C-alpha atoms as a PDB file:
ATOM      1  CA  VAL A   1     218.323  34.470 187.195  1.00  0.00           C
ATOM      2  CA  ASN A   2     217.358  32.116 184.374  1.00  0.00           C
ATOM      3  CA  ASN A   3     217.775  33.987 181.066  1.00  0.00           C
ATOM      4  CA  SER A   4     217.158  31.062 178.713  1.00  0.00           C
ATOM      5  CA  PRO A   5     215.589  31.993 175.335  1.00  0.00           C
ATOM      6  CA  LYS A   6     212.457  29.997 176.207  1.00  0.00           C
ATOM      7  CA  ILE A   7     211.853  31.977 179.405  1.00  0.00           C
ATOM      8  CA  GLN A   8     212.609  35.285 177.710  1.00  0.00           C
ATOM      9  CA  ASN A   9     210.067  34.463 175.002  1.00  0.00           C
ATOM     10  CA  TRP A  10     207.424  33.644 177.614  1.00  0.00           C
ATOM     11  CA  LEU A  11     208.153  36.868 179.482  1.00  0.00           C
ATOM     12  CA  THR A  12     207.925  38.896 176.278  1.00  0.00           C
ATOM     13  CA  SER A  13     204.578  37.281 175.448  1.00  0.00           C
ATOM     14  CA  ALA A  14     203.307  37.830 178.983  1.00  0.00           C
ATOM     15  CA  ARG A  15     204.239  41.517 178.927  1.00  0.00           C
ATOM     16  CA  ARG A  16     202.605  41.985 175.531  1.00  0.00           C
ATOM     17  CA  SER A  17     199.405  40.293 176.709  1.00  0.00           C
ATOM     18  CA  ARG A  18     199.336  42.327 179.910  1.00  0.00           C
ATOM     19  CA  ALA A  19     199.915  45.602 178.036  1.00  0.00           C
ATOM     20  CA  THR A  20     196.972  44.883 175.726  1.00  0.00           C
ATOM     21  CA  GLY A  21     194.609  43.893 178.528  1.00  0.00           C
ATOM     22  CA  PHE A  22     194.671  40.110 178.027  1.00  0.00           C
ATOM     23  CA  ASN A  23     195.427  39.379 181.673  1.00  0.00           C
ATOM     24  CA  ASP A  24     194.293  35.739 181.683  1.00  0.00           C
ATOM     25  CA  GLN A  25     196.624  34.981 178.802  1.00  0.00           C
ATOM     26  CA  ALA A  26     199.460  36.876 180.483  1.00  0.00           C
ATOM     27  CA  ALA A  27     198.951  34.854 183.678  1.00  0.00           C
ATOM     28  CA  GLN A  28     199.305  31.630 181.701  1.00  0.00           C
ATOM     29  CA  TYR A  29     202.622  32.750 180.254  1.00  0.00           C
ATOM     30  CA  TYR A  30     203.858  33.749 183.710  1.00  0.00           C
ATOM     31  CA  ASP A  31     202.840  30.312 185.001  1.00  0.00           C
ATOM     32  CA  LEU A  32     205.036  28.753 182.321  1.00  0.00           C
ATOM     33  CA  VAL A  33     207.961  30.887 183.466  1.00  0.00           C
ATOM     34  CA  LEU A  34     207.474  29.679 187.051  1.00  0.00           C
ATOM     35  CA  THR A  35     207.648  26.035 185.982  1.00  0.00           C
ATOM     36  CA  GLU A  36     211.205  26.664 184.761  1.00  0.00           C
ATOM     37  CA  ASP A  37     212.259  29.471 187.110  1.00  0.00           C
ATOM     38  CA  PRO A  38     210.233  29.425 190.367  1.00  0.00           C
ATOM     39  CA  ASN A  39     212.296  32.319 191.778  1.00  0.00           C
ATOM     40  CA  ASN A  40     211.499  34.729 188.951  1.00  0.00           C
ATOM     41  CA  TRP A  41     210.250  37.864 190.712  1.00  0.00           C
ATOM     42  CA  GLU A  42     208.291  39.170 187.720  1.00  0.00           C
ATOM     43  CA  ALA A  43     206.350  35.956 187.154  1.00  0.00           C
ATOM     44  CA  THR A  44     205.754  35.492 190.889  1.00  0.00           C
ATOM     45  CA  PHE A  45     204.125  38.910 191.184  1.00  0.00           C
ATOM     46  CA  PHE A  46     202.396  39.379 187.856  1.00  0.00           C
ATOM     47  CA  SER A  47     200.858  35.895 187.740  1.00  0.00           C
ATOM     48  CA  LYS A  48     198.839  36.961 190.818  1.00  0.00           C
ATOM     49  CA  TYR A  49     198.347  40.536 189.593  1.00  0.00           C
ATOM     50  CA  CYS A  50     196.882  39.433 186.254  1.00  0.00           C
ATOM     51  CA  ARG A  51     194.472  37.059 187.978  1.00  0.00           C
ATOM     52  CA  ALA A  52     193.423  39.735 190.457  1.00  0.00           C
ATOM     53  CA  MET A  53     192.611  42.378 187.849  1.00  0.00           C
ATOM     54  CA  GLY A  54     188.994  42.233 186.755  1.00  0.00           C
ATOM     55  CA  SER A  55     187.933  39.869 189.544  1.00  0.00           C
ATOM     56  CA  ARG A  56     184.382  39.808 190.829  1.00  0.00           C
ATOM     57  CA  VAL A  57     183.637  41.863 193.938  1.00  0.00           C
ATOM     58  CA  LEU A  58     183.022  38.807 196.105  1.00  0.00           C
ATOM     59  CA  VAL A  59     186.561  37.475 195.571  1.00  0.00           C
ATOM     60  CA  LEU A  60     188.471  40.775 195.486  1.00  0.00           C
ATOM     61  CA  LYS A  61     189.505  40.574 199.141  1.00  0.00           C
ATOM     62  CA  ASP A  62     191.004  37.093 198.640  1.00  0.00           C
ATOM     63  CA  LYS A  63     192.749  38.257 195.463  1.00  0.00           C
ATOM     64  CA  ALA A  64     194.125  41.268 197.341  1.00  0.00           C
ATOM     65  CA  GLN A  65     195.565  39.022 200.046  1.00  0.00           C
ATOM     66  CA  ALA A  66     197.197  36.763 197.448  1.00  0.00           C
ATOM     67  CA  LEU A  67     198.607  39.772 195.595  1.00  0.00           C
ATOM     68  CA  THR A  68     200.066  41.316 198.762  1.00  0.00           C
ATOM     69  CA  THR A  69     201.774  38.042 199.673  1.00  0.00           C
ATOM     70  CA  ALA A  70     203.161  37.701 196.137  1.00  0.00           C
ATOM     71  CA  ALA A  71     204.361  41.313 196.181  1.00  0.00           C
ATOM     72  CA  VAL A  72     206.298  40.851 199.416  1.00  0.00           C
ATOM     73  CA  LEU A  73     207.842  37.617 198.131  1.00  0.00           C
ATOM     74  CA  SER A  74     208.720  39.222 194.793  1.00  0.00           C
ATOM     75  CA  VAL A  75     210.515  42.119 196.477  1.00  0.00           C
ATOM     76  CA  THR A  76     212.583  39.570 198.385  1.00  0.00           C
ATOM     77  CA  LEU A  77     213.351  37.564 195.236  1.00  0.00           C
ATOM     78  CA  ALA A  78     214.378  40.721 193.362  1.00  0.00           C
ATOM     79  CA  SER A  79     216.751  41.841 196.122  1.00  0.00           C
ATOM     80  CA  SER A  80     219.655  39.899 194.586  1.00  0.00           C
ATOM     81  CA  LEU A  81     219.479  41.983 191.391  1.00  0.00           C
ATOM     82  CA  PRO A  82     221.905  44.857 190.699  1.00  0.00           C
ATOM     83  CA  LYS A  83     220.845  48.088 192.386  1.00  0.00           C
ATOM     84  CA  ASP A  84     219.198  49.766 189.384  1.00  0.00           C
ATOM     85  CA  GLU A  85     217.371  46.594 188.323  1.00  0.00           C
ATOM     86  CA  PHE A  86     216.168  46.021 191.889  1.00  0.00           C
ATOM     87  CA  ARG A  87     214.790  49.543 192.059  1.00  0.00           C
ATOM     88  CA  ASN A  88     213.001  49.083 188.739  1.00  0.00           C
ATOM     89  CA  ALA A  89     211.504  45.796 189.937  1.00  0.00           C
ATOM     90  CA  VAL A  90     210.234  47.287 193.201  1.00  0.00           C
ATOM     91  CA  LYS A  91     208.783  50.269 191.311  1.00  0.00           C
ATOM     92  CA  GLN A  92     206.833  47.934 189.031  1.00  0.00           C
ATOM     93  CA  ILE A  93     205.561  45.957 192.015  1.00  0.00           C
ATOM     94  CA  ALA A  94     204.597  49.065 193.997  1.00  0.00           C
ATOM     95  CA  ASP A  95     202.966  50.932 191.100  1.00  0.00           C
ATOM     96  CA  SER A  96     201.008  47.897 189.881  1.00  0.00           C
ATOM     97  CA  SER A  97     199.872  47.051 193.408  1.00  0.00           C
ATOM     98  CA  ALA A  98     198.729  50.637 193.966  1.00  0.00           C
ATOM     99  CA  SER A  99     196.772  50.516 190.714  1.00  0.00           C
ATOM    100  CA  PHE A 100     195.068  47.252 191.679  1.00  0.00           C
ATOM    101  CA  PHE A 101     194.059  48.415 195.157  1.00  0.00           C
ATOM    102  CA  ASP A 102     192.638  51.651 193.763  1.00  0.00           C
ATOM    103  CA  THR A 103     190.649  49.807 191.074  1.00  0.00           C
ATOM    104  CA  ALA A 104     189.413  47.211 193.578  1.00  0.00           C
ATOM    105  CA  TYR A 105     188.262  49.870 196.031  1.00  0.00           C
ATOM    106  CA  LYS A 106     186.416  51.871 193.366  1.00  0.00           C
ATOM    107  CA  THR A 107     184.710  48.721 192.065  1.00  0.00           C
ATOM    108  CA  CYS A 108     183.501  47.754 195.535  1.00  0.00           C
ATOM    109  CA  GLN A 109     182.440  51.261 196.477  1.00  0.00           C
ATOM    110  CA  LYS A 110     180.491  51.730 193.243  1.00  0.00           C
ATOM    111  CA  GLY A 111     178.588  48.509 193.913  1.00  0.00           C
ATOM    112  CA  TYR A 112     177.860  49.639 197.460  1.00  0.00           C
ATOM    113  CA  ASN A 113     176.637  53.068 196.366  1.00  0.00           C
ATOM    114  CA  ASP A 114     174.477  51.538 193.611  1.00  0.00           C
ATOM    115  CA  LEU A 115     172.745  49.265 196.131  1.00  0.00           C
ATOM    116  CA  TRP A 116     172.226  51.976 198.761  1.00  0.00           C
ATOM    117  CA  PRO A 117     169.949  52.067 200.766  1.00  0.00           C
ATOM    118  CA  ASN A 118     168.982  48.406 200.156  1.00  0.00           C
ATOM    119  CA  ILE A 119     172.017  47.093 202.001  1.00  0.00           C
ATOM    120  CA  THR A 120     171.746  43.995 204.195  1.00  0.00           C
ATOM    121  CA  SER A 121     173.749  43.812 207.411  1.00  0.00           C
ATOM    122  CA  SER A 122     175.793  40.854 206.105  1.00  0.00           C
ATOM    123  CA  TYR A 123     176.651  42.706 202.866  1.00  0.00           C
ATOM    124  CA  ASN A 124     177.568  45.794 204.869  1.00  0.00           C
ATOM    125  CA  MET A 125     179.925  43.787 207.095  1.00  0.00           C
ATOM    126  CA  ALA A 126     181.553  42.113 204.094  1.00  0.00           C
ATOM    127  CA  HIS A 127     181.956  45.494 202.410  1.00  0.00           C
ATOM    128  CA  LEU A 128     183.644  46.980 205.478  1.00  0.00           C
ATOM    129  CA  GLN A 129     186.067  44.053 205.541  1.00  0.00           C
ATOM    130  CA  ARG A 130     186.895  44.504 201.857  1.00  0.00           C
ATOM    131  CA  VAL A 131     187.458  48.240 202.225  1.00  0.00           C
ATOM    132  CA  SER A 132     189.663  47.665 205.280  1.00  0.00           C
ATOM    133  CA  ALA A 133     191.719  45.183 203.260  1.00  0.00           C
ATOM    134  CA  PHE A 134     192.181  47.619 200.363  1.00  0.00           C
ATOM    135  CA  ILE A 135     193.571  50.122 202.891  1.00  0.00           C
ATOM    136  CA  LEU A 136     195.561  47.928 205.276  1.00  0.00           C
ATOM    137  CA  MET A 137     197.238  45.689 202.692  1.00  0.00           C
ATOM    138  CA  PRO A 138     198.897  48.473 200.678  1.00  0.00           C
ATOM    139  CA  VAL A 139     199.993  50.039 203.965  1.00  0.00           C
ATOM    140  CA  THR A 140     201.522  46.682 204.912  1.00  0.00           C
ATOM    141  CA  LEU A 141     203.330  46.408 201.574  1.00  0.00           C
ATOM    142  CA  GLY A 142     204.387  50.067 201.601  1.00  0.00           C
ATOM    143  CA  THR A 143     205.739  49.739 205.131  1.00  0.00           C
ATOM    144  CA  ALA A 144     207.751  46.688 204.067  1.00  0.00           C
ATOM    145  CA  ILE A 145     209.272  48.582 201.118  1.00  0.00           C
ATOM    146  CA  ASP A 146     210.064  51.533 203.385  1.00  0.00           C
ATOM    147  CA  LYS A 147     212.313  49.224 205.438  1.00  0.00           C
ATOM    148  CA  ILE A 148     214.692  48.831 202.477  1.00  0.00           C
ATOM    149  CA  ASN A 149     216.849  51.949 202.355  1.00  0.00           C
ATOM    150  CA  THR A 150     217.652  51.912 198.632  1.00  0.00           C
ATOM    151  CA  VAL A 151     213.982  51.902 197.568  1.00  0.00           C
ATOM    152  CA  SER A 152     212.140  53.289 200.595  1.00  0.00           C
ATOM    153  CA  ASP A 153     210.784  56.290 198.656  1.00  0.00           C
ATOM    154  CA  LEU A 154     208.881  53.913 196.353  1.00  0.00           C
ATOM    155  CA  SER A 155     206.531  53.156 199.243  1.00  0.00           C
ATOM    156  CA  VAL A 156     204.933  56.611 198.990  1.00  0.00           C
ATOM    157  CA  PRO A 157     202.350  55.993 196.191  1.00  0.00           C
ATOM    158  CA  LEU A 158     201.077  52.907 198.004  1.00  0.00           C
ATOM    159  CA  LEU A 159     200.784  54.715 201.321  1.00  0.00           C
ATOM    160  CA  LYS A 160     199.190  57.840 199.850  1.00  0.00           C
ATOM    161  CA  GLY A 161     196.669  55.690 197.995  1.00  0.00           C
ATOM    162  CA  ALA A 162     195.701  53.902 201.205  1.00  0.00           C
ATOM    163  CA  ILE A 163     195.150  57.148 203.121  1.00  0.00           C
ATOM    164  CA  GLU A 164     193.172  58.730 200.293  1.00  0.00           C
ATOM    165  CA  ARG A 165     191.067  55.566 200.004  1.00  0.00           C
ATOM    166  CA  ARG A 166     190.239  55.658 203.699  1.00  0.00           C
ATOM    167  CA  ASN A 167     189.404  59.376 203.636  1.00  0.00           C
ATOM    168  CA  SER A 168     187.180  58.860 200.582  1.00  0.00           C
ATOM    169  CA  PHE A 169     185.348  55.985 202.231  1.00  0.00           C
ATOM    170  CA  LEU A 170     184.617  58.002 205.368  1.00  0.00           C
ATOM    171  CA  ARG A 171     183.280  60.851 203.243  1.00  0.00           C
ATOM    172  CA  ASP A 172     181.006  58.437 201.354  1.00  0.00           C
ATOM    173  CA  VAL A 173     179.737  56.851 204.556  1.00  0.00           C
ATOM    174  CA  GLN A 174     178.900  60.228 206.075  1.00  0.00           C
ATOM    175  CA  ALA A 175     177.193  61.319 202.838  1.00  0.00           C
ATOM    176  CA  HIS A 176     174.813  58.380 203.325  1.00  0.00           C
ATOM    177  CA  GLY A 177     174.064  59.631 206.838  1.00  0.00           C
ATOM    178  CA  VAL A 178     175.900  56.729 208.476  1.00  0.00           C
ATOM    179  CA  SER A 179     178.253  57.279 211.386  1.00  0.00           C
ATOM    180  CA  PRO A 180     181.831  56.140 210.710  1.00  0.00           C
ATOM    181  CA  ASP A 181     182.387  55.490 214.424  1.00  0.00           C
ATOM    182  CA  GLY A 182     184.749  52.610 214.992  1.00  0.00           C
ATOM    183  CA  PHE A 183     186.128  52.315 211.464  1.00  0.00           C
ATOM    184  CA  PRO A 184     189.783  51.371 212.013  1.00  0.00           C
ATOM    185  CA  ASP A 185     192.799  53.513 211.340  1.00  0.00           C
ATOM    186  CA  CYS A 186     194.290  50.630 209.317  1.00  0.00           C
ATOM    187  CA  ASN A 187     197.776  51.868 210.248  1.00  0.00           C
ATOM    188  CA  CYS A 188     197.255  55.037 208.199  1.00  0.00           C
ATOM    189  CA  THR A 189     198.669  57.219 210.973  1.00  0.00           C
ATOM    190  CA  GLU A 190     201.941  55.312 210.743  1.00  0.00           C
ATOM    191  CA  ALA A 191     201.787  55.505 206.938  1.00  0.00           C
ATOM    192  CA  LEU A 192     201.505  59.287 207.176  1.00  0.00           C
ATOM    193  CA  LYS A 193     204.758  59.454 209.155  1.00  0.00           C
ATOM    194  CA  VAL A 194     206.558  57.624 206.340  1.00  0.00           C
ATOM    195  CA  ILE A 195     205.041  59.841 203.636  1.00  0.00           C
ATOM    196  CA  ARG A 196     206.074  63.013 205.424  1.00  0.00           C
ATOM    197  CA  LYS A 197     209.722  62.002 205.241  1.00  0.00           C
ATOM    198  CA  TYR A 198     209.416  62.688 201.501  1.00  0.00           C
ATOM    199  CA  ASP A 199     206.432  65.059 201.348  1.00  0.00           C
ATOM    200  CA  PRO A 200     206.332  67.122 204.580  1.00  0.00           C
ATOM    201  CA  ASN A 201     203.217  69.036 203.544  1.00  0.00           C
ATOM    202  CA  TYR A 202     201.103  66.013 202.716  1.00  0.00           C
ATOM    203  CA  GLY A 203     197.542  66.113 204.149  1.00  0.00           C
ATOM    204  CA  VAL A 204     195.972  64.395 207.116  1.00  0.00           C
ATOM    205  CA  VAL A 205     194.386  61.076 207.976  1.00  0.00           C
ATOM    206  CA  ARG A 206     190.689  61.753 208.289  1.00  0.00           C
ATOM    207  CA  SER A 207     189.453  60.904 211.777  1.00  0.00           C
ATOM    208  CA  SER A 208     186.537  58.770 212.853  1.00  0.00           C
ATOM    209  CA  THR A 209     185.343  58.766 216.467  1.00  0.00           C
ATOM    210  CA  THR A 210     187.448  55.747 217.256  1.00  0.00           C
ATOM    211  CA  THR A 211     190.841  56.644 215.905  1.00  0.00           C
ATOM    212  CA  SER A 212     192.481  53.289 215.615  1.00  0.00           C
ATOM    213  CA  ALA A 213     192.408  49.624 216.115  1.00  0.00           C
ATOM    214  CA  SER A 214     195.541  48.509 217.886  1.00  0.00           C
ATOM    215  CA  SER A 215     198.416  48.832 215.500  1.00  0.00           C
ATOM    216  CA  ALA A 216     199.999  45.568 214.457  1.00  0.00           C
ATOM    217  CA  SER A 217     203.342  47.323 214.208  1.00  0.00           C
ATOM    218  CA  SER A 218     203.334  48.075 217.922  1.00  0.00           C
ATOM    219  CA  GLY A 219     204.374  44.569 218.847  1.00  0.00           C
ATOM    220  CA  GLY A 220     202.878  41.194 219.625  1.00  0.00           C
ATOM    221  CA  CYS A 221     203.650  37.684 218.440  1.00  0.00           C
ATOM    222  CA  TYR A 222     204.555  36.711 214.929  1.00  0.00           C
ATOM    223  CA  VAL A 223     203.652  33.709 212.812  1.00  0.00           C
ATOM    224  CA  ALA A 224     205.800  31.029 214.488  1.00  0.00           C
ATOM    225  CA  THR A 225     204.887  32.230 217.975  1.00  0.00           C
ATOM    226  CA  CYS A 226     201.222  32.253 216.976  1.00  0.00           C
ATOM    227  CA  VAL A 227     201.446  28.706 215.614  1.00  0.00           C
ATOM    228  CA  TYR A 228     203.424  27.182 218.475  1.00  0.00           C
ATOM    229  CA  GLY A 229     201.876  29.242 221.257  1.00  0.00           C
ATOM    230  CA  SER A 230     205.108  30.623 222.731  1.00  0.00           C
ATOM    231  CA  TYR A 231     208.137  32.667 221.744  1.00  0.00           C
ATOM    232  CA  ASP A 232     210.244  30.425 223.999  1.00  0.00           C
ATOM    233  CA  CYS A 233     209.781  26.853 222.840  1.00  0.00           C
ATOM    234  CA  PRO A 234     212.120  24.431 221.007  1.00  0.00           C
ATOM    235  CA  GLN A 235     210.673  25.030 217.534  1.00  0.00           C
ATOM    236  CA  VAL A 236     210.857  28.822 217.793  1.00  0.00           C
ATOM    237  CA  TRP A 237     214.354  28.677 219.312  1.00  0.00           C
ATOM    238  CA  THR A 238     215.457  26.766 216.190  1.00  0.00           C
ATOM    239  CA  LEU A 239     213.843  29.300 213.870  1.00  0.00           C
ATOM    240  CA  ARG A 240     215.326  32.263 215.747  1.00  0.00           C
ATOM    241  CA  ARG A 241     218.806  30.750 215.432  1.00  0.00           C
ATOM    242  CA  TYR A 242     218.239  30.249 211.700  1.00  0.00           C
ATOM    243  CA  ARG A 243     217.199  33.906 211.366  1.00  0.00           C
ATOM    244  CA  ASP A 244     220.197  35.309 213.257  1.00  0.00           C
ATOM    245  CA  ASN A 245     222.938  32.945 212.107  1.00  0.00           C
ATOM    246  CA  MET A 246     221.951  32.098 208.539  1.00  0.00           C
ATOM    247  CA  LEU A 247     219.367  34.455 207.046  1.00  0.00           C
ATOM    248  CA  ALA A 248     221.059  37.559 208.445  1.00  0.00           C
ATOM    249  CA  SER A 249     224.364  36.589 206.828  1.00  0.00           C
ATOM    250  CA  THR A 250     223.135  37.384 203.285  1.00  0.00           C
ATOM    251  CA  ARG A 251     221.667  40.504 201.676  1.00  0.00           C
ATOM    252  CA  ARG A 252     218.566  38.676 200.485  1.00  0.00           C
ATOM    253  CA  GLY A 253     218.135  37.192 203.952  1.00  0.00           C
ATOM    254  CA  ARG A 254     218.360  40.597 205.618  1.00  0.00           C
ATOM    255  CA  VAL A 255     215.785  42.009 203.190  1.00  0.00           C
ATOM    256  CA  PHE A 256     213.491  39.083 203.993  1.00  0.00           C
ATOM    257  CA  ILE A 257     213.888  39.693 207.743  1.00  0.00           C
ATOM    258  CA  ARG A 258     212.977  43.377 207.391  1.00  0.00           C
ATOM    259  CA  ILE A 259     209.945  42.546 205.281  1.00  0.00           C
ATOM    260  CA  TYR A 260     208.879  39.745 207.619  1.00  0.00           C
ATOM    261  CA  TYR A 261     208.883  42.036 210.637  1.00  0.00           C
ATOM    262  CA  ALA A 262     206.944  44.659 208.723  1.00  0.00           C
ATOM    263  CA  VAL A 263     204.269  42.270 207.433  1.00  0.00           C
ATOM    264  CA  SER A 264     203.849  39.408 209.904  1.00  0.00           C
ATOM    265  CA  PRO A 265     202.342  41.410 212.804  1.00  0.00           C
ATOM    266  CA  THR A 266     199.502  42.492 210.532  1.00  0.00           C
ATOM    267  CA  LEU A 267     198.890  38.945 209.304  1.00  0.00           C
ATOM    268  CA  VAL A 268     198.768  37.634 212.864  1.00  0.00           C
ATOM    269  CA  ALA A 269     196.547  40.485 214.033  1.00  0.00           C
ATOM    270  CA  TRP A 270     194.084  39.726 211.245  1.00  0.00           C
ATOM    271  CA  PHE A 271     194.158  35.937 211.110  1.00  0.00           C
ATOM    272  CA  GLY A 272     196.122  34.619 214.098  1.00  0.00           C
ATOM    273  CA  HIS A 273     192.946  33.693 216.000  1.00  0.00           C
ATOM    274  CA  THR A 274     191.680  31.426 213.212  1.00  0.00           C
ATOM    275  CA  ASN A 275     192.297  27.679 213.010  1.00  0.00           C
ATOM    276  CA  TRP A 276     192.848  27.750 209.240  1.00  0.00           C
ATOM    277  CA  PHE A 277     195.736  30.206 209.615  1.00  0.00           C
ATOM    278  CA  LYS A 278     197.483  28.020 212.192  1.00  0.00           C
ATOM    279  CA  LYS A 279     196.886  24.856 210.166  1.00  0.00           C
ATOM    280  CA  LEU A 280     198.166  26.582 207.022  1.00  0.00           C
ATOM    281  CA  TRP A 281     201.484  27.437 208.671  1.00  0.00           C
ATOM    282  CA  ARG A 282     201.917  24.515 211.103  1.00  0.00           C
ATOM    283  CA  GLY A 283     202.881  21.922 208.500  1.00  0.00           C
ATOM    284  CA  LYS A 284     205.234  24.283 206.669  1.00  0.00           C
ATOM    285  CA  LEU A 285     206.966  25.340 209.888  1.00  0.00           C
ATOM    286  CA  ASP A 286     207.202  21.751 211.218  1.00  0.00           C
ATOM    287  CA  ARG A 287     208.945  20.651 208.023  1.00  0.00           C
ATOM    288  CA  MET A 288     211.300  23.622 208.133  1.00  0.00           C
ATOM    289  CA  VAL A 289     212.167  23.047 211.802  1.00  0.00           C
ATOM    290  CA  THR A 290     212.828  19.347 211.173  1.00  0.00           C
ATOM    291  CA  PHE A 291     215.075  20.201 208.214  1.00  0.00           C
ATOM    292  CA  LEU A 292     217.032  22.798 210.204  1.00  0.00           C
ATOM    293  CA  GLN A 293     217.493  20.508 213.190  1.00  0.00           C
ATOM    294  CA  LYS A 294     218.820  17.750 210.917  1.00  0.00           C
ATOM    295  CA  LYS A 295     221.312  20.346 209.637  1.00  0.00           C
ATOM    296  CA  GLY A 296     222.472  20.901 213.202  1.00  0.00           C
ATOM    297  CA  VAL A 297     220.510  24.005 214.237  1.00  0.00           C
ATOM    298  CA  GLU A 298     219.867  23.601 217.960  1.00  0.00           C
ATOM    299  CA  ASN A 299     216.515  23.755 219.750  1.00  0.00           C
ATOM    300  CA  THR A 300     217.803  24.828 223.161  1.00  0.00           C
ATOM    301  CA  PRO A 301     217.011  28.179 224.912  1.00  0.00           C
ATOM    302  CA  TYR A 302     218.279  31.130 222.895  1.00  0.00           C
ATOM    303  CA  GLU A 303     218.828  34.876 223.309  1.00  0.00           C
ATOM    304  CA  ASP A 304     218.149  36.934 220.189  1.00  0.00           C
ATOM    305  CA  ALA A 305     220.846  38.921 218.427  1.00  0.00           C
ATOM    306  CA  ASN A 306     220.316  42.678 218.463  1.00  0.00           C
ATOM    307  CA  TRP A 307     218.523  44.213 215.416  1.00  0.00           C
END
């Protein structure tokens, strides 16, 4: 952790700006922190959070995706902190994320209700995608936090918010006389199981006729397998060795692995069929594989370690 006076001054200014509602200014201070300390968890998360708050409806889904990615990365970066500081960091990330997703959903739903019944089919489809994102993404982040034993209870506000958002949306849809048939579960059934570990009497996930799209947590390929087309190929063998023999040897690495396996199935389920997703990751993974192989990590057939 870089605690230089310059960085501490930037962080103080960023927090003051954020507390008084000057999010654009706060984001600029956080950007300065990242130029000096790219692994600063607070700047990594809040630079995206400040830019997401107050965004226009049409870009909220993209901002939500960027925020979720930053949140997962920030949790990983914070994992090297002392226990109490790590818990405080994750609480800030979880609470701020929950606040953003709730605000984003209410903004979108207000716009939808104001336009009703003059809704075009394209606007309706885009709205459904945004609402799904504001439900699924906090579930994804909450599920990732739940995998870390020391802070797993901090996942609850995120998960409760997602379920309540979905139930509210279905009520609104039915109030307009529209059938909610086919609206996805967005992994809310799994979220409910996590919540009930801490709040056994918590309510139910409201049902639509079709209860669920296939859950990303039930299995399937992950990012590298999606990009390279096979779980058993030289590039993925190299990456699997790196995971088992290097990442798993450190606390931060183990946290990253847990988060990766909580988040990546959802990312692949949503975007794995698109060319842009594969192109986005192909170059990054190729460079990483080349680097690892130069360091001596083999690319021969490999059997995974047990997790």
